[in-house]
Amino acid sequence: MKKILLLILFIGVVYLAKAQKVYDTHNESRADVKVFVTDKDYRADLIVYTTNVDHRAKGNKGIWFIEHTESRADKKICFVNTESRADLKVYFTNTESRAGWRNQSKKKLFE
């Protein structure tokens, strides 16, 4: 019985972690989220820090690992050229501590 409870707890924790491994489809129709990159952090819904280590991209906190294999990604994104076509506006930062949601209502896009 303890093993079953531990397994359920482990699955729950993994499910809630919501890793942020993203794949750029280059095709709007295949994307889960269309993303516009802004040059000003105050205009962004999400400030993103990219990491080169996939296990560091855990949680829905704006830390992304760019996956090169579509099947291994949690979300498929497509970068668009106009703000009006985007579901989400992001600003990329070089500082991990700055990553995070500025517009909490958009957070559901990565859950």
PDB file of N, CA and C in Angstrom:
ATOM      1  N   MET A   1       0.817  -1.191   0.000  1.00  0.00           N
ATOM      2  CA  MET A   1       0.000   0.000   0.000  1.00  0.00           C
ATOM      3  C   MET A   1       0.871   1.269   0.000  1.00  0.00           C
ATOM      4  N   LYS A   2       1.949   1.238   0.775  1.00  0.00           N
ATOM      5  CA  LYS A   2       2.839   2.394   0.815  1.00  0.00           C
ATOM      6  C   LYS A   2       3.461   2.665  -0.548  1.00  0.00           C
ATOM      7  N   LYS A   3       3.805   1.596  -1.252  1.00  0.00           N
ATOM      8  CA  LYS A   3       4.413   1.763  -2.575  1.00  0.00           C
ATOM      9  C   LYS A   3       3.442   2.418  -3.543  1.00  0.00           C
ATOM     10  N   ILE A   4       2.187   2.065  -3.462  1.00  0.00           N
ATOM     11  CA  ILE A   4       1.168   2.644  -4.336  1.00  0.00           C
ATOM     12  C   ILE A   4       1.001   4.129  -4.023  1.00  0.00           C
ATOM     13  N   LEU A   5       0.950   4.468  -2.750  1.00  0.00           N
ATOM     14  CA  LEU A   5       0.822   5.879  -2.361  1.00  0.00           C
ATOM     15  C   LEU A   5       2.033   6.695  -2.804  1.00  0.00           C
ATOM     16  N   LEU A   6       3.220   6.127  -2.647  1.00  0.00           N
ATOM     17  CA  LEU A   6       4.428   6.824  -3.088  1.00  0.00           C
ATOM     18  C   LEU A   6       4.429   7.010  -4.604  1.00  0.00           C
ATOM     19  N   LEU A   7       3.978   6.011  -5.331  1.00  0.00           N
ATOM     20  CA  LEU A   7       3.901   6.120  -6.788  1.00  0.00           C
ATOM     21  C   LEU A   7       2.924   7.209  -7.201  1.00  0.00           C
ATOM     22  N   ILE A   8       1.775   7.253  -6.568  1.00  0.00           N
ATOM     23  CA  ILE A   8       0.781   8.285  -6.859  1.00  0.00           C
ATOM     24  C   ILE A   8       1.337   9.667  -6.532  1.00  0.00           C
ATOM     25  N   LEU A   9       1.999   9.801  -5.414  1.00  0.00           N
ATOM     26  CA  LEU A   9       2.606  11.074  -5.029  1.00  0.00           C
ATOM     27  C   LEU A   9       3.672  11.490  -6.037  1.00  0.00           C
ATOM     28  N   PHE A  10       4.515  10.555  -6.450  1.00  0.00           N
ATOM     29  CA  PHE A  10       5.562  10.853  -7.426  1.00  0.00           C
ATOM     30  C   PHE A  10       4.958  11.316  -8.747  1.00  0.00           C
ATOM     31  N   ILE A  11       3.952  10.621  -9.223  1.00  0.00           N
ATOM     32  CA  ILE A  11       3.295  11.004 -10.482  1.00  0.00           C
ATOM     33  C   ILE A  11       2.677  12.394 -10.357  1.00  0.00           C
ATOM     34  N   GLY A  12       2.070  12.686  -9.224  1.00  0.00           N
ATOM     35  CA  GLY A  12       1.479  14.005  -8.997  1.00  0.00           C
ATOM     36  C   GLY A  12       2.516  15.115  -9.024  1.00  0.00           C
ATOM     37  N   VAL A  13       3.646  14.880  -8.394  1.00  0.00           N
ATOM     38  CA  VAL A  13       4.716  15.877  -8.372  1.00  0.00           C
ATOM     39  C   VAL A  13       5.264  16.092  -9.777  1.00  0.00           C
ATOM     40  N   VAL A  14       5.478  15.021 -10.510  1.00  0.00           N
ATOM     41  CA  VAL A  14       5.975  15.142 -11.880  1.00  0.00           C
ATOM     42  C   VAL A  14       4.972  15.890 -12.740  1.00  0.00           C
ATOM     43  N   TYR A  15       3.699  15.588 -12.587  1.00  0.00           N
ATOM     44  CA  TYR A  15       2.665  16.260 -13.374  1.00  0.00           C
ATOM     45  C   TYR A  15       2.614  17.752 -13.065  1.00  0.00           C
ATOM     46  N   LEU A  16       2.731  18.110 -11.807  1.00  0.00           N
ATOM     47  CA  LEU A  16       2.657  19.507 -11.418  1.00  0.00           C
ATOM     48  C   LEU A  16       3.929  20.289 -11.743  1.00  0.00           C
ATOM     49  N   ALA A  17       5.025  19.600 -11.972  1.00  0.00           N
ATOM     50  CA  ALA A  17       6.282  20.294 -12.261  1.00  0.00           C
ATOM     51  C   ALA A  17       6.205  21.089 -13.558  1.00  0.00           C
ATOM     52  N   LYS A  18       5.522  20.594 -14.553  1.00  0.00           N
ATOM     53  CA  LYS A  18       5.313  21.313 -15.816  1.00  0.00           C
ATOM     54  C   LYS A  18       6.631  21.794 -16.406  1.00  0.00           C
ATOM     55  N   ALA A  19       7.422  20.877 -16.828  1.00  0.00           N
ATOM     56  CA  ALA A  19       8.696  21.244 -17.437  1.00  0.00           C
ATOM     57  C   ALA A  19       8.469  22.135 -18.648  1.00  0.00           C
ATOM     58  N   GLN A  20       9.425  22.951 -18.938  1.00  0.00           N
ATOM     59  CA  GLN A  20       9.302  23.919 -20.019  1.00  0.00           C
ATOM     60  C   GLN A  20      10.278  23.600 -21.141  1.00  0.00           C
ATOM     61  N   LYS A  21      10.166  22.398 -21.672  1.00  0.00           N
ATOM     62  CA  LYS A  21      10.956  22.037 -22.837  1.00  0.00           C
ATOM     63  C   LYS A  21      10.125  22.415 -24.055  1.00  0.00           C
ATOM     64  N   VAL A  22      10.652  23.322 -24.861  1.00  0.00           N
ATOM     65  CA  VAL A  22       9.888  23.835 -26.001  1.00  0.00           C
ATOM     66  C   VAL A  22      10.583  23.468 -27.305  1.00  0.00           C
ATOM     67  N   TYR A  23       9.763  23.305 -28.327  1.00  0.00           N
ATOM     68  CA  TYR A  23      10.238  22.993 -29.668  1.00  0.00           C
ATOM     69  C   TYR A  23       9.676  24.027 -30.618  1.00  0.00           C
ATOM     70  N   ASP A  24      10.533  24.620 -31.438  1.00  0.00           N
ATOM     71  CA  ASP A  24      10.100  25.613 -32.412  1.00  0.00           C
ATOM     72  C   ASP A  24       9.695  24.891 -33.690  1.00  0.00           C
ATOM     73  N   THR A  25       8.397  24.897 -33.991  1.00  0.00           N
ATOM     74  CA  THR A  25       7.887  24.165 -35.149  1.00  0.00           C
ATOM     75  C   THR A  25       8.122  24.900 -36.461  1.00  0.00           C
ATOM     76  N   HIS A  26       8.309  26.197 -36.435  1.00  0.00           N
ATOM     77  CA  HIS A  26       8.419  27.023 -37.638  1.00  0.00           C
ATOM     78  C   HIS A  26       7.139  26.954 -38.473  1.00  0.00           C
ATOM     79  N   ASN A  27       6.059  26.463 -37.877  1.00  0.00           N
ATOM     80  CA  ASN A  27       4.800  26.294 -38.594  1.00  0.00           C
ATOM     81  C   ASN A  27       3.664  26.657 -37.637  1.00  0.00           C
ATOM     82  N   GLU A  28       3.008  27.775 -37.880  1.00  0.00           N
ATOM     83  CA  GLU A  28       1.966  28.262 -36.964  1.00  0.00           C
ATOM     84  C   GLU A  28       0.869  27.239 -36.713  1.00  0.00           C
ATOM     85  N   SER A  29       0.465  26.521 -37.735  1.00  0.00           N
ATOM     86  CA  SER A  29      -0.651  25.592 -37.586  1.00  0.00           C
ATOM     87  C   SER A  29      -0.315  24.398 -36.695  1.00  0.00           C
ATOM     88  N   ARG A  30       0.950  24.094 -36.500  1.00  0.00           N
ATOM     89  CA  ARG A  30       1.357  22.976 -35.651  1.00  0.00           C
ATOM     90  C   ARG A  30       1.710  23.413 -34.231  1.00  0.00           C
ATOM     91  N   ALA A  31       1.714  24.704 -33.987  1.00  0.00           N
ATOM     92  CA  ALA A  31       2.157  25.233 -32.693  1.00  0.00           C
ATOM     93  C   ALA A  31       1.047  25.188 -31.644  1.00  0.00           C
ATOM     94  N   ASP A  32       1.445  24.909 -30.414  1.00  0.00           N
ATOM     95  CA  ASP A  32       0.532  25.030 -29.270  1.00  0.00           C
ATOM     96  C   ASP A  32       0.389  26.499 -28.891  1.00  0.00           C
ATOM     97  N   VAL A  33       1.490  27.239 -29.024  1.00  0.00           N
ATOM     98  CA  VAL A  33       1.526  28.649 -28.637  1.00  0.00           C
ATOM     99  C   VAL A  33       2.309  29.438 -29.685  1.00  0.00           C
ATOM    100  N   LYS A  34       1.728  30.554 -30.127  1.00  0.00           N
ATOM    101  CA  LYS A  34       2.421  31.454 -31.042  1.00  0.00           C
ATOM    102  C   LYS A  34       3.059  32.553 -30.199  1.00  0.00           C
ATOM    103  N   VAL A  35       4.350  32.780 -30.422  1.00  0.00           N
ATOM    104  CA  VAL A  35       5.155  33.646 -29.557  1.00  0.00           C
ATOM    105  C   VAL A  35       5.725  34.816 -30.354  1.00  0.00           C
ATOM    106  N   PHE A  36       5.575  36.005 -29.778  1.00  0.00           N
ATOM    107  CA  PHE A  36       6.187  37.209 -30.330  1.00  0.00           C
ATOM    108  C   PHE A  36       7.279  37.658 -29.362  1.00  0.00           C
ATOM    109  N   VAL A  37       8.455  37.945 -29.889  1.00  0.00           N
ATOM    110  CA  VAL A  37       9.576  38.396 -29.058  1.00  0.00           C
ATOM    111  C   VAL A  37       9.600  39.919 -29.072  1.00  0.00           C
ATOM    112  N   THR A  38       9.511  40.502 -27.888  1.00  0.00           N
ATOM    113  CA  THR A  38       9.548  41.954 -27.745  1.00  0.00           C
ATOM    114  C   THR A  38      10.935  42.392 -27.287  1.00  0.00           C
ATOM    115  N   ASP A  39      11.289  43.618 -27.623  1.00  0.00           N
ATOM    116  CA  ASP A  39      12.608  44.124 -27.239  1.00  0.00           C
ATOM    117  C   ASP A  39      12.592  44.880 -25.913  1.00  0.00           C
ATOM    118  N   LYS A  40      11.421  44.971 -25.294  1.00  0.00           N
ATOM    119  CA  LYS A  40      11.279  45.650 -23.996  1.00  0.00           C
ATOM    120  C   LYS A  40      10.652  44.696 -22.988  1.00  0.00           C
ATOM    121  N   ASP A  41      11.289  44.530 -21.836  1.00  0.00           N
ATOM    122  CA  ASP A  41      10.767  43.581 -20.849  1.00  0.00           C
ATOM    123  C   ASP A  41       9.400  43.979 -20.307  1.00  0.00           C
ATOM    124  N   TYR A  42       9.119  45.268 -20.209  1.00  0.00           N
ATOM    125  CA  TYR A  42       7.836  45.708 -19.658  1.00  0.00           C
ATOM    126  C   TYR A  42       6.665  45.426 -20.599  1.00  0.00           C
ATOM    127  N   ARG A  43       6.937  45.116 -21.857  1.00  0.00           N
ATOM    128  CA  ARG A  43       5.877  44.798 -22.814  1.00  0.00           C
ATOM    129  C   ARG A  43       5.595  43.296 -22.870  1.00  0.00           C
ATOM    130  N   ALA A  44       6.387  42.496 -22.178  1.00  0.00           N
ATOM    131  CA  ALA A  44       6.286  41.038 -22.252  1.00  0.00           C
ATOM    132  C   ALA A  44       5.272  40.474 -21.252  1.00  0.00           C
ATOM    133  N   ASP A  45       4.644  39.375 -21.663  1.00  0.00           N
ATOM    134  CA  ASP A  45       3.808  38.597 -20.745  1.00  0.00           C
ATOM    135  C   ASP A  45       4.697  37.693 -19.891  1.00  0.00           C
ATOM    136  N   LEU A  46       5.811  37.277 -20.484  1.00  0.00           N
ATOM    137  CA  LEU A  46       6.720  36.341 -19.832  1.00  0.00           C
ATOM    138  C   LEU A  46       8.153  36.735 -20.143  1.00  0.00           C
ATOM    139  N   ILE A  47       8.974  36.781 -19.107  1.00  0.00           N
ATOM    140  CA  ILE A  47      10.407  36.988 -19.283  1.00  0.00           C
ATOM    141  C   ILE A  47      11.046  35.604 -19.251  1.00  0.00           C
ATOM    142  N   VAL A  48      11.764  35.268 -20.320  1.00  0.00           N
ATOM    143  CA  VAL A  48      12.285  33.914 -20.510  1.00  0.00           C
ATOM    144  C   VAL A  48      13.801  33.891 -20.390  1.00  0.00           C
ATOM    145  N   TYR A  49      14.256  32.898 -19.667  1.00  0.00           N
ATOM    146  CA  TYR A  49      15.677  32.580 -19.601  1.00  0.00           C
ATOM    147  C   TYR A  49      15.841  31.206 -20.238  1.00  0.00           C
ATOM    148  N   THR A  50      16.743  31.074 -21.197  1.00  0.00           N
ATOM    149  CA  THR A  50      16.968  29.766 -21.808  1.00  0.00           C
ATOM    150  C   THR A  50      18.185  29.115 -21.169  1.00  0.00           C
ATOM    151  N   THR A  51      18.038  27.830 -20.922  1.00  0.00           N
ATOM    152  CA  THR A  51      19.117  27.052 -20.335  1.00  0.00           C
ATOM    153  C   THR A  51      19.533  25.971 -21.313  1.00  0.00           C
ATOM    154  N   ASN A  52      20.763  25.531 -21.212  1.00  0.00           N
ATOM    155  CA  ASN A  52      21.233  24.452 -22.082  1.00  0.00           C
ATOM    156  C   ASN A  52      21.202  23.096 -21.382  1.00  0.00           C
ATOM    157  N   VAL A  53      20.590  23.054 -20.209  1.00  0.00           N
ATOM    158  CA  VAL A  53      20.459  21.816 -19.441  1.00  0.00           C
ATOM    159  C   VAL A  53      18.971  21.559 -19.225  1.00  0.00           C
ATOM    160  N   ASP A  54      18.458  20.478 -19.797  1.00  0.00           N
ATOM    161  CA  ASP A  54      17.006  20.267 -19.786  1.00  0.00           C
ATOM    162  C   ASP A  54      16.401  20.118 -18.395  1.00  0.00           C
ATOM    163  N   HIS A  55      17.105  19.510 -17.452  1.00  0.00           N
ATOM    164  CA  HIS A  55      16.513  19.315 -16.117  1.00  0.00           C
ATOM    165  C   HIS A  55      16.398  20.622 -15.320  1.00  0.00           C
ATOM    166  N   ARG A  56      17.034  21.691 -15.778  1.00  0.00           N
ATOM    167  CA  ARG A  56      16.898  22.990 -15.090  1.00  0.00           C
ATOM    168  C   ARG A  56      15.637  23.722 -15.509  1.00  0.00           C
ATOM    169  N   ALA A  57      14.984  23.253 -16.557  1.00  0.00           N
ATOM    170  CA  ALA A  57      13.786  23.912 -17.077  1.00  0.00           C
ATOM    171  C   ALA A  57      12.531  23.288 -16.467  1.00  0.00           C
ATOM    172  N   LYS A  58      12.476  23.213 -15.178  1.00  0.00           N
ATOM    173  CA  LYS A  58      11.330  22.643 -14.482  1.00  0.00           C
ATOM    174  C   LYS A  58      10.443  23.746 -13.950  1.00  0.00           C
ATOM    175  N   GLY A  59       9.163  23.465 -13.946  1.00  0.00           N
ATOM    176  CA  GLY A  59       8.198  24.422 -13.431  1.00  0.00           C
ATOM    177  C   GLY A  59       7.819  25.445 -14.483  1.00  0.00           C
ATOM    178  N   ASN A  60       6.704  26.045 -14.292  1.00  0.00           N
ATOM    179  CA  ASN A  60       6.180  27.041 -15.225  1.00  0.00           C
ATOM    180  C   ASN A  60       6.676  28.421 -14.787  1.00  0.00           C
ATOM    181  N   LYS A  61       7.998  28.603 -14.855  1.00  0.00           N
ATOM    182  CA  LYS A  61       8.642  29.800 -14.306  1.00  0.00           C
ATOM    183  C   LYS A  61       9.357  30.639 -15.339  1.00  0.00           C
ATOM    184  N   GLY A  62       9.252  30.265 -16.616  1.00  0.00           N
ATOM    185  CA  GLY A  62       9.916  31.038 -17.650  1.00  0.00           C
ATOM    186  C   GLY A  62      11.335  30.610 -17.941  1.00  0.00           C
ATOM    187  N   ILE A  63      11.723  29.448 -17.467  1.00  0.00           N
ATOM    188  CA  ILE A  63      13.037  28.902 -17.783  1.00  0.00           C
ATOM    189  C   ILE A  63      12.810  27.822 -18.831  1.00  0.00           C
ATOM    190  N   TRP A  64      13.294  28.091 -20.030  1.00  0.00           N
ATOM    191  CA  TRP A  64      13.042  27.206 -21.168  1.00  0.00           C
ATOM    192  C   TRP A  64      14.297  26.460 -21.578  1.00  0.00           C
ATOM    193  N   PHE A  65      14.078  25.224 -21.987  1.00  0.00           N
ATOM    194  CA  PHE A  65      15.101  24.435 -22.674  1.00  0.00           C
ATOM    195  C   PHE A  65      14.587  24.243 -24.087  1.00  0.00           C
ATOM    196  N   ILE A  66      15.362  24.663 -25.078  1.00  0.00           N
ATOM    197  CA  ILE A  66      14.949  24.533 -26.471  1.00  0.00           C
ATOM    198  C   ILE A  66      15.276  23.109 -26.917  1.00  0.00           C
ATOM    199  N   GLU A  67      14.230  22.344 -27.116  1.00  0.00           N
ATOM    200  CA  GLU A  67      14.352  20.940 -27.504  1.00  0.00           C
ATOM    201  C   GLU A  67      14.500  20.854 -29.021  1.00  0.00           C
ATOM    202  N   HIS A  68      15.366  19.965 -29.485  1.00  0.00           N
ATOM    203  CA  HIS A  68      15.589  19.802 -30.920  1.00  0.00           C
ATOM    204  C   HIS A  68      14.772  18.655 -31.510  1.00  0.00           C
ATOM    205  N   THR A  69      14.094  17.916 -30.641  1.00  0.00           N
ATOM    206  CA  THR A  69      13.246  16.812 -31.070  1.00  0.00           C
ATOM    207  C   THR A  69      11.818  17.108 -30.638  1.00  0.00           C
ATOM    208  N   GLU A  70      10.920  17.195 -31.591  1.00  0.00           N
ATOM    209  CA  GLU A  70       9.537  17.574 -31.311  1.00  0.00           C
ATOM    210  C   GLU A  70       8.875  16.666 -30.277  1.00  0.00           C
ATOM    211  N   SER A  71       9.096  15.374 -30.379  1.00  0.00           N
ATOM    212  CA  SER A  71       8.425  14.424 -29.485  1.00  0.00           C
ATOM    213  C   SER A  71       8.877  14.538 -28.033  1.00  0.00           C
ATOM    214  N   ARG A  72      10.019  15.138 -27.777  1.00  0.00           N
ATOM    215  CA  ARG A  72      10.527  15.277 -26.408  1.00  0.00           C
ATOM    216  C   ARG A  72      10.106  16.588 -25.758  1.00  0.00           C
ATOM    217  N   ALA A  73       9.484  17.462 -26.530  1.00  0.00           N
ATOM    218  CA  ALA A  73       9.095  18.782 -26.018  1.00  0.00           C
ATOM    219  C   ALA A  73       7.770  18.724 -25.279  1.00  0.00           C
ATOM    220  N   ASP A  74       7.611  19.628 -24.314  1.00  0.00           N
ATOM    221  CA  ASP A  74       6.349  19.773 -23.591  1.00  0.00           C
ATOM    222  C   ASP A  74       5.386  20.666 -24.366  1.00  0.00           C
ATOM    223  N   LYS A  75       5.927  21.632 -25.067  1.00  0.00           N
ATOM    224  CA  LYS A  75       5.114  22.567 -25.850  1.00  0.00           C
ATOM    225  C   LYS A  75       5.784  22.832 -27.180  1.00  0.00           C
ATOM    226  N   LYS A  76       4.953  22.940 -28.210  1.00  0.00           N
ATOM    227  CA  LYS A  76       5.440  23.342 -29.526  1.00  0.00           C
ATOM    228  C   LYS A  76       5.096  24.814 -29.691  1.00  0.00           C
ATOM    229  N   ILE A  77       6.114  25.600 -30.002  1.00  0.00           N
ATOM    230  CA  ILE A  77       5.908  27.034 -30.176  1.00  0.00           C
ATOM    231  C   ILE A  77       6.281  27.423 -31.596  1.00  0.00           C
ATOM    232  N   CYS A  78       5.763  28.558 -32.014  1.00  0.00           N
ATOM    233  CA  CYS A  78       6.132  29.138 -33.296  1.00  0.00           C
ATOM    234  C   CYS A  78       6.340  30.626 -33.065  1.00  0.00           C
ATOM    235  N   PHE A  79       7.492  31.122 -33.448  1.00  0.00           N
ATOM    236  CA  PHE A  79       7.760  32.545 -33.324  1.00  0.00           C
ATOM    237  C   PHE A  79       7.116  33.262 -34.502  1.00  0.00           C
ATOM    238  N   VAL A  80       6.333  34.292 -34.201  1.00  0.00           N
ATOM    239  CA  VAL A  80       5.655  35.067 -35.235  1.00  0.00           C
ATOM    240  C   VAL A  80       6.249  36.476 -35.294  1.00  0.00           C
ATOM    241  N   ASN A  81       6.066  37.123 -36.438  1.00  0.00           N
ATOM    242  CA  ASN A  81       6.679  38.435 -36.670  1.00  0.00           C
ATOM    243  C   ASN A  81       5.842  39.612 -36.205  1.00  0.00           C
ATOM    244  N   THR A  82       4.568  39.385 -35.961  1.00  0.00           N
ATOM    245  CA  THR A  82       3.706  40.492 -35.533  1.00  0.00           C
ATOM    246  C   THR A  82       3.042  40.169 -34.204  1.00  0.00           C
ATOM    247  N   GLU A  83       2.962  41.171 -33.379  1.00  0.00           N
ATOM    248  CA  GLU A  83       2.384  41.035 -32.051  1.00  0.00           C
ATOM    249  C   GLU A  83       0.925  40.585 -32.110  1.00  0.00           C
ATOM    250  N   SER A  84       0.188  41.062 -33.094  1.00  0.00           N
ATOM    251  CA  SER A  84      -1.238  40.757 -33.186  1.00  0.00           C
ATOM    252  C   SER A  84      -1.517  39.280 -33.475  1.00  0.00           C
ATOM    253  N   ARG A  85      -0.578  38.559 -34.055  1.00  0.00           N
ATOM    254  CA  ARG A  85      -0.755  37.132 -34.343  1.00  0.00           C
ATOM    255  C   ARG A  85      -0.325  36.242 -33.182  1.00  0.00           C
ATOM    256  N   ALA A  86       0.237  36.818 -32.151  1.00  0.00           N
ATOM    257  CA  ALA A  86       0.818  36.052 -31.055  1.00  0.00           C
ATOM    258  C   ALA A  86      -0.190  35.767 -29.941  1.00  0.00           C
ATOM    259  N   ASP A  87      -0.007  34.598 -29.318  1.00  0.00           N
ATOM    260  CA  ASP A  87      -0.732  34.258 -28.094  1.00  0.00           C
ATOM    261  C   ASP A  87       0.006  34.796 -26.874  1.00  0.00           C
ATOM    262  N   LEU A  88       1.325  34.940 -27.025  1.00  0.00           N
ATOM    263  CA  LEU A  88       2.184  35.281 -25.900  1.00  0.00           C
ATOM    264  C   LEU A  88       3.317  36.182 -26.367  1.00  0.00           C
ATOM    265  N   LYS A  89       3.614  37.216 -25.569  1.00  0.00           N
ATOM    266  CA  LYS A  89       4.754  38.095 -25.833  1.00  0.00           C
ATOM    267  C   LYS A  89       5.840  37.757 -24.821  1.00  0.00           C
ATOM    268  N   VAL A  90       7.050  37.504 -25.331  1.00  0.00           N
ATOM    269  CA  VAL A  90       8.159  37.165 -24.442  1.00  0.00           C
ATOM    270  C   VAL A  90       9.325  38.117 -24.642  1.00  0.00           C
ATOM    271  N   TYR A  91      10.104  38.211 -23.595  1.00  0.00           N
ATOM    272  CA  TYR A  91      11.363  38.956 -23.622  1.00  0.00           C
ATOM    273  C   TYR A  91      12.421  37.985 -23.106  1.00  0.00           C
ATOM    274  N   PHE A  92      13.520  37.843 -23.835  1.00  0.00           N
ATOM    275  CA  PHE A  92      14.590  36.944 -23.415  1.00  0.00           C
ATOM    276  C   PHE A  92      15.606  37.700 -22.583  1.00  0.00           C
ATOM    277  N   THR A  93      15.972  37.114 -21.448  1.00  0.00           N
ATOM    278  CA  THR A  93      16.936  37.698 -20.537  1.00  0.00           C
ATOM    279  C   THR A  93      18.150  36.788 -20.409  1.00  0.00           C
ATOM    280  N   ASN A  94      19.269  37.355 -20.032  1.00  0.00           N
ATOM    281  CA  ASN A  94      20.490  36.579 -19.788  1.00  0.00           C
ATOM    282  C   ASN A  94      20.655  36.232 -18.317  1.00  0.00           C
ATOM    283  N   THR A  95      19.691  36.647 -17.490  1.00  0.00           N
ATOM    284  CA  THR A  95      19.768  36.449 -16.052  1.00  0.00           C
ATOM    285  C   THR A  95      18.624  35.554 -15.587  1.00  0.00           C
ATOM    286  N   GLU A  96      18.943  34.385 -15.096  1.00  0.00           N
ATOM    287  CA  GLU A  96      17.924  33.412 -14.686  1.00  0.00           C
ATOM    288  C   GLU A  96      16.963  33.965 -13.639  1.00  0.00           C
ATOM    289  N   SER A  97      17.460  34.760 -12.720  1.00  0.00           N
ATOM    290  CA  SER A  97      16.614  35.284 -11.642  1.00  0.00           C
ATOM    291  C   SER A  97      15.548  36.261 -12.142  1.00  0.00           C
ATOM    292  N   ARG A  98      15.713  36.797 -13.334  1.00  0.00           N
ATOM    293  CA  ARG A  98      14.713  37.718 -13.892  1.00  0.00           C
ATOM    294  C   ARG A  98      13.563  36.993 -14.575  1.00  0.00           C
ATOM    295  N   ALA A  99      13.719  35.710 -14.838  1.00  0.00           N
ATOM    296  CA  ALA A  99      12.688  34.945 -15.542  1.00  0.00           C
ATOM    297  C   ALA A  99      11.417  34.879 -14.711  1.00  0.00           C
ATOM    298  N   GLY A 100      10.277  34.953 -15.397  1.00  0.00           N
ATOM    299  CA  GLY A 100       9.009  34.819 -14.689  1.00  0.00           C
ATOM    300  C   GLY A 100       7.863  35.472 -15.425  1.00  0.00           C
ATOM    301  N   TRP A 101       6.682  35.183 -14.943  1.00  0.00           N
ATOM    302  CA  TRP A 101       5.455  35.684 -15.557  1.00  0.00           C
ATOM    303  C   TRP A 101       5.174  37.107 -15.117  1.00  0.00           C
ATOM    304  N   ARG A 102       4.895  37.965 -16.071  1.00  0.00           N
ATOM    305  CA  ARG A 102       4.452  39.337 -15.800  1.00  0.00           C
ATOM    306  C   ARG A 102       2.938  39.416 -15.946  1.00  0.00           C
ATOM    307  N   ASN A 103       2.369  38.560 -16.788  1.00  0.00           N
ATOM    308  CA  ASN A 103       0.926  38.521 -17.011  1.00  0.00           C
ATOM    309  C   ASN A 103       0.443  37.127 -16.602  1.00  0.00           C
ATOM    310  N   GLN A 104      -0.042  37.010 -15.382  1.00  0.00           N
ATOM    311  CA  GLN A 104      -0.436  35.712 -14.832  1.00  0.00           C
ATOM    312  C   GLN A 104      -1.573  35.051 -15.616  1.00  0.00           C
ATOM    313  N   SER A 105      -2.397  35.837 -16.285  1.00  0.00           N
ATOM    314  CA  SER A 105      -3.517  35.257 -17.033  1.00  0.00           C
ATOM    315  C   SER A 105      -3.031  34.434 -18.234  1.00  0.00           C
ATOM    316  N   LYS A 106      -1.815  34.659 -18.691  1.00  0.00           N
ATOM    317  CA  LYS A 106      -1.253  33.909 -19.817  1.00  0.00           C
ATOM    318  C   LYS A 106      -0.532  32.636 -19.369  1.00  0.00           C
ATOM    319  N   LYS A 107      -0.341  32.474 -18.083  1.00  0.00           N
ATOM    320  CA  LYS A 107       0.390  31.339 -17.539  1.00  0.00           C
ATOM    321  C   LYS A 107      -0.227  30.003 -17.949  1.00  0.00           C
ATOM    322  N   LYS A 108      -1.533  29.992 -18.131  1.00  0.00           N
ATOM    323  CA  LYS A 108      -2.242  28.751 -18.492  1.00  0.00           C
ATOM    324  C   LYS A 108      -1.798  28.211 -19.850  1.00  0.00           C
ATOM    325  N   LEU A 109      -1.203  29.043 -20.691  1.00  0.00           N
ATOM    326  CA  LEU A 109      -0.734  28.594 -21.994  1.00  0.00           C
ATOM    327  C   LEU A 109       0.341  27.508 -21.889  1.00  0.00           C
ATOM    328  N   PHE A 110       1.049  27.479 -20.760  1.00  0.00           N
ATOM    329  CA  PHE A 110       2.122  26.500 -20.571  1.00  0.00           C
ATOM    330  C   PHE A 110       1.805  25.486 -19.488  1.00  0.00           C
ATOM    331  N   GLU A 111       0.559  25.350 -19.155  1.00  0.00           N
ATOM    332  CA  GLU A 111       0.168  24.320 -18.180  1.00  0.00           C
ATOM    333  C   GLU A 111      -0.395  23.121 -18.874  1.00  0.00           C
TER     334      GLU A 111
END
